[in-house]
Amino acid sequence: MGLTGTFADTVNGARLALSLCQKYSIKYAVLAQSSPSCCSSTAYDGHFTGQKVACNGVTTQLLNQHGIQVVGQHNIVDLKALLTHFDV
């Protein structure tokens, strides 16, 4: 059984993001914090009620599995802390 609809698009997008990160040797990614695909802490629950749930999105999980650290756009200070250990 293959993937269909929106979830297939989400997985394909995650794979494309990983491919680009690998092609350009990207080690850190800033993704949309509340997106179900990209979240790195919480995301909307998908019922359009404004409620959020703890999660790691598909893209975040895939990037993390390949050693790429993900932070949400509202936690950019976390990325700054990671980069202070390197001479960028």
PDB file of N, CA and C in Angstrom:
ATOM      1  N   MET A   1       0.845  -1.176   0.000  1.00  0.00           N
ATOM      2  CA  MET A   1       0.000   0.000   0.000  1.00  0.00           C
ATOM      3  C   MET A   1       0.889   1.238   0.000  1.00  0.00           C
ATOM      4  N   GLY A   2       0.691   2.154  -0.932  1.00  0.00           N
ATOM      5  CA  GLY A   2       1.517   3.347  -1.043  1.00  0.00           C
ATOM      6  C   GLY A   2       0.942   4.507  -0.255  1.00  0.00           C
ATOM      7  N   LEU A   3       1.761   5.517  -0.091  1.00  0.00           N
ATOM      8  CA  LEU A   3       1.306   6.735   0.572  1.00  0.00           C
ATOM      9  C   LEU A   3       0.403   7.521  -0.368  1.00  0.00           C
ATOM     10  N   THR A   4      -0.626   8.137   0.188  1.00  0.00           N
ATOM     11  CA  THR A   4      -1.529   8.919  -0.644  1.00  0.00           C
ATOM     12  C   THR A   4      -1.780  10.274  -0.017  1.00  0.00           C
ATOM     13  N   GLY A   5      -2.215  11.202  -0.858  1.00  0.00           N
ATOM     14  CA  GLY A   5      -2.665  12.498  -0.385  1.00  0.00           C
ATOM     15  C   GLY A   5      -1.612  13.323   0.314  1.00  0.00           C
ATOM     16  N   THR A   6      -2.047  14.085   1.274  1.00  0.00           N
ATOM     17  CA  THR A   6      -1.222  15.062   1.946  1.00  0.00           C
ATOM     18  C   THR A   6      -0.037  14.451   2.670  1.00  0.00           C
ATOM     19  N   PHE A   7      -0.198  13.291   3.293  1.00  0.00           N
ATOM     20  CA  PHE A   7       0.920  12.688   4.017  1.00  0.00           C
ATOM     21  C   PHE A   7       2.050  12.325   3.058  1.00  0.00           C
ATOM     22  N   ALA A   8       1.704  11.829   1.871  1.00  0.00           N
ATOM     23  CA  ALA A   8       2.725  11.511   0.867  1.00  0.00           C
ATOM     24  C   ALA A   8       3.487  12.767   0.487  1.00  0.00           C
ATOM     25  N   ASP A   9       2.781  13.869   0.322  1.00  0.00           N
ATOM     26  CA  ASP A   9       3.431  15.138   0.003  1.00  0.00           C
ATOM     27  C   ASP A   9       4.356  15.572   1.128  1.00  0.00           C
ATOM     28  N   THR A  10       3.923  15.357   2.359  1.00  0.00           N
ATOM     29  CA  THR A  10       4.735  15.708   3.519  1.00  0.00           C
ATOM     30  C   THR A  10       6.025  14.897   3.546  1.00  0.00           C
ATOM     31  N   VAL A  11       5.916  13.616   3.315  1.00  0.00           N
ATOM     32  CA  VAL A  11       7.094  12.739   3.307  1.00  0.00           C
ATOM     33  C   VAL A  11       8.029  13.111   2.162  1.00  0.00           C
ATOM     34  N   ASN A  12       7.464  13.362   0.996  1.00  0.00           N
ATOM     35  CA  ASN A  12       8.289  13.763  -0.147  1.00  0.00           C
ATOM     36  C   ASN A  12       9.002  15.080   0.115  1.00  0.00           C
ATOM     37  N   GLY A  13       8.309  16.006   0.747  1.00  0.00           N
ATOM     38  CA  GLY A  13       8.932  17.286   1.103  1.00  0.00           C
ATOM     39  C   GLY A  13      10.064  17.103   2.097  1.00  0.00           C
ATOM     40  N   ALA A  14       9.862  16.209   3.067  1.00  0.00           N
ATOM     41  CA  ALA A  14      10.906  15.923   4.052  1.00  0.00           C
ATOM     42  C   ALA A  14      12.131  15.320   3.380  1.00  0.00           C
ATOM     43  N   ARG A  15      11.891  14.413   2.450  1.00  0.00           N
ATOM     44  CA  ARG A  15      13.008  13.783   1.717  1.00  0.00           C
ATOM     45  C   ARG A  15      13.756  14.809   0.877  1.00  0.00           C
ATOM     46  N   LEU A  16      13.023  15.724   0.263  1.00  0.00           N
ATOM     47  CA  LEU A  16      13.655  16.775  -0.527  1.00  0.00           C
ATOM     48  C   LEU A  16      14.495  17.691   0.378  1.00  0.00           C
ATOM     49  N   ALA A  17      13.942  18.045   1.533  1.00  0.00           N
ATOM     50  CA  ALA A  17      14.697  18.882   2.480  1.00  0.00           C
ATOM     51  C   ALA A  17      15.985  18.188   2.898  1.00  0.00           C
ATOM     52  N   LEU A  18      15.909  16.897   3.192  1.00  0.00           N
ATOM     53  CA  LEU A  18      17.100  16.134   3.572  1.00  0.00           C
ATOM     54  C   LEU A  18      18.105  16.117   2.426  1.00  0.00           C
ATOM     55  N   SER A  19      17.636  15.888   1.229  1.00  0.00           N
ATOM     56  CA  SER A  19      18.516  15.844   0.061  1.00  0.00           C
ATOM     57  C   SER A  19      19.279  17.164  -0.104  1.00  0.00           C
ATOM     58  N   LEU A  20      18.571  18.270   0.054  1.00  0.00           N
ATOM     59  CA  LEU A  20      19.216  19.579  -0.074  1.00  0.00           C
ATOM     60  C   LEU A  20      20.202  19.836   1.070  1.00  0.00           C
ATOM     61  N   CYS A  21      19.825  19.425   2.273  1.00  0.00           N
ATOM     62  CA  CYS A  21      20.741  19.588   3.413  1.00  0.00           C
ATOM     63  C   CYS A  21      22.020  18.791   3.182  1.00  0.00           C
ATOM     64  N   GLN A  22      21.886  17.591   2.667  1.00  0.00           N
ATOM     65  CA  GLN A  22      23.061  16.766   2.406  1.00  0.00           C
ATOM     66  C   GLN A  22      23.890  17.341   1.257  1.00  0.00           C
ATOM     67  N   LYS A  23      23.235  17.796   0.217  1.00  0.00           N
ATOM     68  CA  LYS A  23      23.939  18.360  -0.941  1.00  0.00           C
ATOM     69  C   LYS A  23      24.779  19.560  -0.547  1.00  0.00           C
ATOM     70  N   TYR A  24      24.256  20.401   0.348  1.00  0.00           N
ATOM     71  CA  TYR A  24      24.943  21.632   0.723  1.00  0.00           C
ATOM     72  C   TYR A  24      25.604  21.550   2.101  1.00  0.00           C
ATOM     73  N   SER A  25      25.726  20.350   2.639  1.00  0.00           N
ATOM     74  CA  SER A  25      26.396  20.105   3.935  1.00  0.00           C
ATOM     75  C   SER A  25      25.808  20.953   5.059  1.00  0.00           C
ATOM     76  N   ILE A  26      24.497  21.052   5.087  1.00  0.00           N
ATOM     77  CA  ILE A  26      23.808  21.820   6.124  1.00  0.00           C
ATOM     78  C   ILE A  26      23.738  20.986   7.397  1.00  0.00           C
ATOM     79  N   LYS A  27      24.121  21.570   8.505  1.00  0.00           N
ATOM     80  CA  LYS A  27      24.150  20.877   9.791  1.00  0.00           C
ATOM     81  C   LYS A  27      23.035  21.341  10.732  1.00  0.00           C
ATOM     82  N   TYR A  28      22.464  22.515  10.455  1.00  0.00           N
ATOM     83  CA  TYR A  28      21.426  23.096  11.300  1.00  0.00           C
ATOM     84  C   TYR A  28      20.304  23.601  10.414  1.00  0.00           C
ATOM     85  N   ALA A  29      19.059  23.423  10.872  1.00  0.00           N
ATOM     86  CA  ALA A  29      17.912  23.897  10.108  1.00  0.00           C
ATOM     87  C   ALA A  29      16.957  24.640  11.029  1.00  0.00           C
ATOM     88  N   VAL A  30      16.410  25.739  10.528  1.00  0.00           N
ATOM     89  CA  VAL A  30      15.375  26.492  11.234  1.00  0.00           C
ATOM     90  C   VAL A  30      14.074  26.229  10.495  1.00  0.00           C
ATOM     91  N   LEU A  31      13.135  25.579  11.185  1.00  0.00           N
ATOM     92  CA  LEU A  31      11.870  25.202  10.561  1.00  0.00           C
ATOM     93  C   LEU A  31      10.690  25.828  11.302  1.00  0.00           C
ATOM     94  N   ALA A  32       9.537  25.833  10.653  1.00  0.00           N
ATOM     95  CA  ALA A  32       8.319  26.408  11.227  1.00  0.00           C
ATOM     96  C   ALA A  32       7.889  25.609  12.455  1.00  0.00           C
ATOM     97  N   GLN A  33       7.848  26.278  13.557  1.00  0.00           N
ATOM     98  CA  GLN A  33       7.662  25.622  14.844  1.00  0.00           C
ATOM     99  C   GLN A  33       6.307  24.942  15.020  1.00  0.00           C
ATOM    100  N   SER A  34       5.260  25.468  14.485  1.00  0.00           N
ATOM    101  CA  SER A  34       3.925  24.899  14.724  1.00  0.00           C
ATOM    102  C   SER A  34       3.409  24.079  13.557  1.00  0.00           C
ATOM    103  N   SER A  35       4.234  23.880  12.557  1.00  0.00           N
ATOM    104  CA  SER A  35       3.839  23.088  11.397  1.00  0.00           C
ATOM    105  C   SER A  35       3.875  21.595  11.725  1.00  0.00           C
ATOM    106  N   PRO A  36       2.840  20.836  11.372  1.00  0.00           N
ATOM    107  CA  PRO A  36       2.866  19.395  11.633  1.00  0.00           C
ATOM    108  C   PRO A  36       4.035  18.682  10.950  1.00  0.00           C
ATOM    109  N   SER A  37       4.510  19.208   9.842  1.00  0.00           N
ATOM    110  CA  SER A  37       5.637  18.599   9.144  1.00  0.00           C
ATOM    111  C   SER A  37       6.971  18.971   9.772  1.00  0.00           C
ATOM    112  N   CYS A  38       7.071  20.190  10.241  1.00  0.00           N
ATOM    113  CA  CYS A  38       8.368  20.727  10.638  1.00  0.00           C
ATOM    114  C   CYS A  38       8.570  20.919  12.132  1.00  0.00           C
ATOM    115  N   CYS A  39       7.544  20.781  12.919  1.00  0.00           N
ATOM    116  CA  CYS A  39       7.641  21.143  14.335  1.00  0.00           C
ATOM    117  C   CYS A  39       8.802  20.441  15.024  1.00  0.00           C
ATOM    118  N   SER A  40       9.391  21.166  15.960  1.00  0.00           N
ATOM    119  CA  SER A  40      10.475  20.581  16.745  1.00  0.00           C
ATOM    120  C   SER A  40      10.144  20.623  18.232  1.00  0.00           C
ATOM    121  N   SER A  41       8.918  20.987  18.556  1.00  0.00           N
ATOM    122  CA  SER A  41       8.483  20.949  19.956  1.00  0.00           C
ATOM    123  C   SER A  41       6.963  20.762  20.050  1.00  0.00           C
ATOM    124  N   THR A  42       6.200  21.659  19.441  1.00  0.00           N
ATOM    125  CA  THR A  42       4.743  21.536  19.444  1.00  0.00           C
ATOM    126  C   THR A  42       4.189  21.883  18.062  1.00  0.00           C
ATOM    127  N   ALA A  43       3.003  21.368  17.784  1.00  0.00           N
ATOM    128  CA  ALA A  43       2.321  21.687  16.522  1.00  0.00           C
ATOM    129  C   ALA A  43       0.828  21.728  16.765  1.00  0.00           C
ATOM    130  N   TYR A  44       0.119  22.365  15.855  1.00  0.00           N
ATOM    131  CA  TYR A  44      -1.333  22.352  15.934  1.00  0.00           C
ATOM    132  C   TYR A  44      -1.832  20.925  15.757  1.00  0.00           C
ATOM    133  N   ASP A  45      -2.916  20.596  16.439  1.00  0.00           N
ATOM    134  CA  ASP A  45      -3.396  19.206  16.467  1.00  0.00           C
ATOM    135  C   ASP A  45      -4.114  18.761  15.193  1.00  0.00           C
ATOM    136  N   GLY A  46      -4.312  19.658  14.250  1.00  0.00           N
ATOM    137  CA  GLY A  46      -4.930  19.285  12.982  1.00  0.00           C
ATOM    138  C   GLY A  46      -6.435  19.408  12.954  1.00  0.00           C
ATOM    139  N   HIS A  47      -7.036  19.835  14.061  1.00  0.00           N
ATOM    140  CA  HIS A  47      -8.491  19.970  14.130  1.00  0.00           C
ATOM    141  C   HIS A  47      -8.946  21.421  14.034  1.00  0.00           C
ATOM    142  N   PHE A  48      -8.005  22.322  13.757  1.00  0.00           N
ATOM    143  CA  PHE A  48      -8.299  23.744  13.579  1.00  0.00           C
ATOM    144  C   PHE A  48      -8.974  24.372  14.783  1.00  0.00           C
ATOM    145  N   THR A  49      -8.561  23.916  15.973  1.00  0.00           N
ATOM    146  CA  THR A  49      -9.101  24.468  17.211  1.00  0.00           C
ATOM    147  C   THR A  49      -8.105  25.390  17.899  1.00  0.00           C
ATOM    148  N   GLY A  50      -6.897  25.474  17.348  1.00  0.00           N
ATOM    149  CA  GLY A  50      -5.856  26.278  17.975  1.00  0.00           C
ATOM    150  C   GLY A  50      -5.080  25.519  19.041  1.00  0.00           C
ATOM    151  N   GLN A  51      -5.474  24.286  19.298  1.00  0.00           N
ATOM    152  CA  GLN A  51      -4.790  23.470  20.304  1.00  0.00           C
ATOM    153  C   GLN A  51      -3.483  22.925  19.737  1.00  0.00           C
ATOM    154  N   LYS A  52      -2.468  22.875  20.591  1.00  0.00           N
ATOM    155  CA  LYS A  52      -1.177  22.325  20.173  1.00  0.00           C
ATOM    156  C   LYS A  52      -0.864  21.070  20.969  1.00  0.00           C
ATOM    157  N   VAL A  53      -0.060  20.205  20.357  1.00  0.00           N
ATOM    158  CA  VAL A  53       0.376  18.968  20.997  1.00  0.00           C
ATOM    159  C   VAL A  53       1.898  18.866  20.860  1.00  0.00           C
ATOM    160  N   ALA A  54       2.521  18.160  21.785  1.00  0.00           N
ATOM    161  CA  ALA A  54       3.961  17.933  21.717  1.00  0.00           C
ATOM    162  C   ALA A  54       4.252  16.992  20.547  1.00  0.00           C
ATOM    163  N   CYS A  55       5.279  17.316  19.775  1.00  0.00           N
ATOM    164  CA  CYS A  55       5.596  16.464  18.633  1.00  0.00           C
ATOM    165  C   CYS A  55       6.940  16.823  18.025  1.00  0.00           C
ATOM    166  N   ASN A  56       7.396  15.950  17.177  1.00  0.00           N
ATOM    167  CA  ASN A  56       8.445  16.225  16.207  1.00  0.00           C
ATOM    168  C   ASN A  56       7.850  15.874  14.859  1.00  0.00           C
ATOM    169  N   GLY A  57       7.858  16.821  13.929  1.00  0.00           N
ATOM    170  CA  GLY A  57       7.267  16.585  12.624  1.00  0.00           C
ATOM    171  C   GLY A  57       8.106  15.645  11.777  1.00  0.00           C
ATOM    172  N   VAL A  58       7.548  15.223  10.666  1.00  0.00           N
ATOM    173  CA  VAL A  58       8.195  14.275   9.759  1.00  0.00           C
ATOM    174  C   VAL A  58       9.545  14.816   9.296  1.00  0.00           C
ATOM    175  N   THR A  59       9.591  16.060   8.878  1.00  0.00           N
ATOM    176  CA  THR A  59      10.844  16.648   8.399  1.00  0.00           C
ATOM    177  C   THR A  59      11.862  16.731   9.520  1.00  0.00           C
ATOM    178  N   THR A  60      11.421  17.176  10.681  1.00  0.00           N
ATOM    179  CA  THR A  60      12.322  17.268  11.831  1.00  0.00           C
ATOM    180  C   THR A  60      12.893  15.905  12.181  1.00  0.00           C
ATOM    181  N   GLN A  61      12.048  14.889  12.224  1.00  0.00           N
ATOM    182  CA  GLN A  61      12.514  13.539  12.549  1.00  0.00           C
ATOM    183  C   GLN A  61      13.539  13.040  11.534  1.00  0.00           C
ATOM    184  N   LEU A  62      13.262  13.244  10.263  1.00  0.00           N
ATOM    185  CA  LEU A  62      14.163  12.760   9.223  1.00  0.00           C
ATOM    186  C   LEU A  62      15.507  13.486   9.284  1.00  0.00           C
ATOM    187  N   LEU A  63      15.462  14.799   9.450  1.00  0.00           N
ATOM    188  CA  LEU A  63      16.719  15.547   9.537  1.00  0.00           C
ATOM    189  C   LEU A  63      17.518  15.132  10.770  1.00  0.00           C
ATOM    190  N   ASN A  64      16.834  14.986  11.897  1.00  0.00           N
ATOM    191  CA  ASN A  64      17.521  14.554  13.124  1.00  0.00           C
ATOM    192  C   ASN A  64      18.169  13.188  12.957  1.00  0.00           C
ATOM    193  N   GLN A  65      17.479  12.270  12.290  1.00  0.00           N
ATOM    194  CA  GLN A  65      18.021  10.924  12.067  1.00  0.00           C
ATOM    195  C   GLN A  65      19.315  10.957  11.258  1.00  0.00           C
ATOM    196  N   HIS A  66      19.510  12.032  10.506  1.00  0.00           N
ATOM    197  CA  HIS A  66      20.708  12.167   9.673  1.00  0.00           C
ATOM    198  C   HIS A  66      21.679  13.197  10.240  1.00  0.00           C
ATOM    199  N   GLY A  67      21.537  13.498  11.520  1.00  0.00           N
ATOM    200  CA  GLY A  67      22.505  14.353  12.205  1.00  0.00           C
ATOM    201  C   GLY A  67      22.332  15.841  12.001  1.00  0.00           C
ATOM    202  N   ILE A  68      21.214  16.259  11.456  1.00  0.00           N
ATOM    203  CA  ILE A  68      20.949  17.687  11.253  1.00  0.00           C
ATOM    204  C   ILE A  68      20.091  18.172  12.408  1.00  0.00           C
ATOM    205  N   GLN A  69      20.593  19.162  13.127  1.00  0.00           N
ATOM    206  CA  GLN A  69      19.870  19.676  14.290  1.00  0.00           C
ATOM    207  C   GLN A  69      18.834  20.700  13.835  1.00  0.00           C
ATOM    208  N   VAL A  70      17.638  20.576  14.386  1.00  0.00           N
ATOM    209  CA  VAL A  70      16.518  21.444  14.008  1.00  0.00           C
ATOM    210  C   VAL A  70      16.093  22.297  15.182  1.00  0.00           C
ATOM    211  N   VAL A  71      15.867  23.579  14.914  1.00  0.00           N
ATOM    212  CA  VAL A  71      15.265  24.483  15.902  1.00  0.00           C
ATOM    213  C   VAL A  71      14.090  25.177  15.233  1.00  0.00           C
ATOM    214  N   GLY A  72      13.109  25.554  16.035  1.00  0.00           N
ATOM    215  CA  GLY A  72      11.965  26.297  15.526  1.00  0.00           C
ATOM    216  C   GLY A  72      12.306  27.767  15.370  1.00  0.00           C
ATOM    217  N   GLN A  73      11.582  28.448  14.504  1.00  0.00           N
ATOM    218  CA  GLN A  73      11.894  29.845  14.229  1.00  0.00           C
ATOM    219  C   GLN A  73      11.730  30.735  15.459  1.00  0.00           C
ATOM    220  N   HIS A  74      10.928  30.325  16.428  1.00  0.00           N
ATOM    221  CA  HIS A  74      10.754  31.127  17.641  1.00  0.00           C
ATOM    222  C   HIS A  74      11.828  30.824  18.686  1.00  0.00           C
ATOM    223  N   ASN A  75      12.664  29.833  18.383  1.00  0.00           N
ATOM    224  CA  ASN A  75      13.749  29.450  19.297  1.00  0.00           C
ATOM    225  C   ASN A  75      15.110  29.668  18.645  1.00  0.00           C
ATOM    226  N   ILE A  76      15.210  30.693  17.834  1.00  0.00           N
ATOM    227  CA  ILE A  76      16.447  30.954  17.100  1.00  0.00           C
ATOM    228  C   ILE A  76      17.630  31.161  18.051  1.00  0.00           C
ATOM    229  N   VAL A  77      17.350  31.598  19.269  1.00  0.00           N
ATOM    230  CA  VAL A  77      18.420  31.773  20.248  1.00  0.00           C
ATOM    231  C   VAL A  77      19.106  30.437  20.546  1.00  0.00           C
ATOM    232  N   ASP A  78      18.352  29.327  20.425  1.00  0.00           N
ATOM    233  CA  ASP A  78      18.948  27.998  20.619  1.00  0.00           C
ATOM    234  C   ASP A  78      20.009  27.714  19.556  1.00  0.00           C
ATOM    235  N   LEU A  79      19.750  28.144  18.331  1.00  0.00           N
ATOM    236  CA  LEU A  79      20.727  27.960  17.258  1.00  0.00           C
ATOM    237  C   LEU A  79      21.964  28.812  17.527  1.00  0.00           C
ATOM    238  N   LYS A  80      21.743  30.021  17.976  1.00  0.00           N
ATOM    239  CA  LYS A  80      22.871  30.892  18.311  1.00  0.00           C
ATOM    240  C   LYS A  80      23.756  30.244  19.362  1.00  0.00           C
ATOM    241  N   ALA A  81      23.144  29.618  20.342  1.00  0.00           N
ATOM    242  CA  ALA A  81      23.918  28.939  21.393  1.00  0.00           C
ATOM    243  C   ALA A  81      24.720  27.788  20.808  1.00  0.00           C
ATOM    244  N   LEU A  82      24.134  27.034  19.872  1.00  0.00           N
ATOM    245  CA  LEU A  82      24.857  25.937  19.238  1.00  0.00           C
ATOM    246  C   LEU A  82      26.053  26.443  18.441  1.00  0.00           C
ATOM    247  N   LEU A  83      25.863  27.555  17.769  1.00  0.00           N
ATOM    248  CA  LEU A  83      26.912  28.082  16.896  1.00  0.00           C
ATOM    249  C   LEU A  83      28.032  28.794  17.654  1.00  0.00           C
ATOM    250  N   THR A  84      27.796  29.187  18.884  1.00  0.00           N
ATOM    251  CA  THR A  84      28.853  29.872  19.618  1.00  0.00           C
ATOM    252  C   THR A  84      30.023  28.943  19.937  1.00  0.00           C
ATOM    253  N   HIS A  85      29.818  27.646  19.780  1.00  0.00           N
ATOM    254  CA  HIS A  85      30.895  26.679  20.001  1.00  0.00           C
ATOM    255  C   HIS A  85      31.794  26.555  18.787  1.00  0.00           C
ATOM    256  N   PHE A  86      31.412  27.205  17.685  1.00  0.00           N
ATOM    257  CA  PHE A  86      32.181  27.105  16.458  1.00  0.00           C
ATOM    258  C   PHE A  86      32.577  28.500  16.002  1.00  0.00           C
ATOM    259  N   ASP A  87      33.657  28.579  15.272  1.00  0.00           N
ATOM    260  CA  ASP A  87      34.094  29.840  14.687  1.00  0.00           C
ATOM    261  C   ASP A  87      33.448  29.955  13.313  1.00  0.00           C
ATOM    262  N   VAL A  88      32.279  30.616  13.254  1.00  0.00           N
ATOM    263  CA  VAL A  88      31.499  30.658  12.015  1.00  0.00           C
ATOM    264  C   VAL A  88      31.911  31.857  11.180  1.00  0.00           C
TER     265      VAL A  88
END
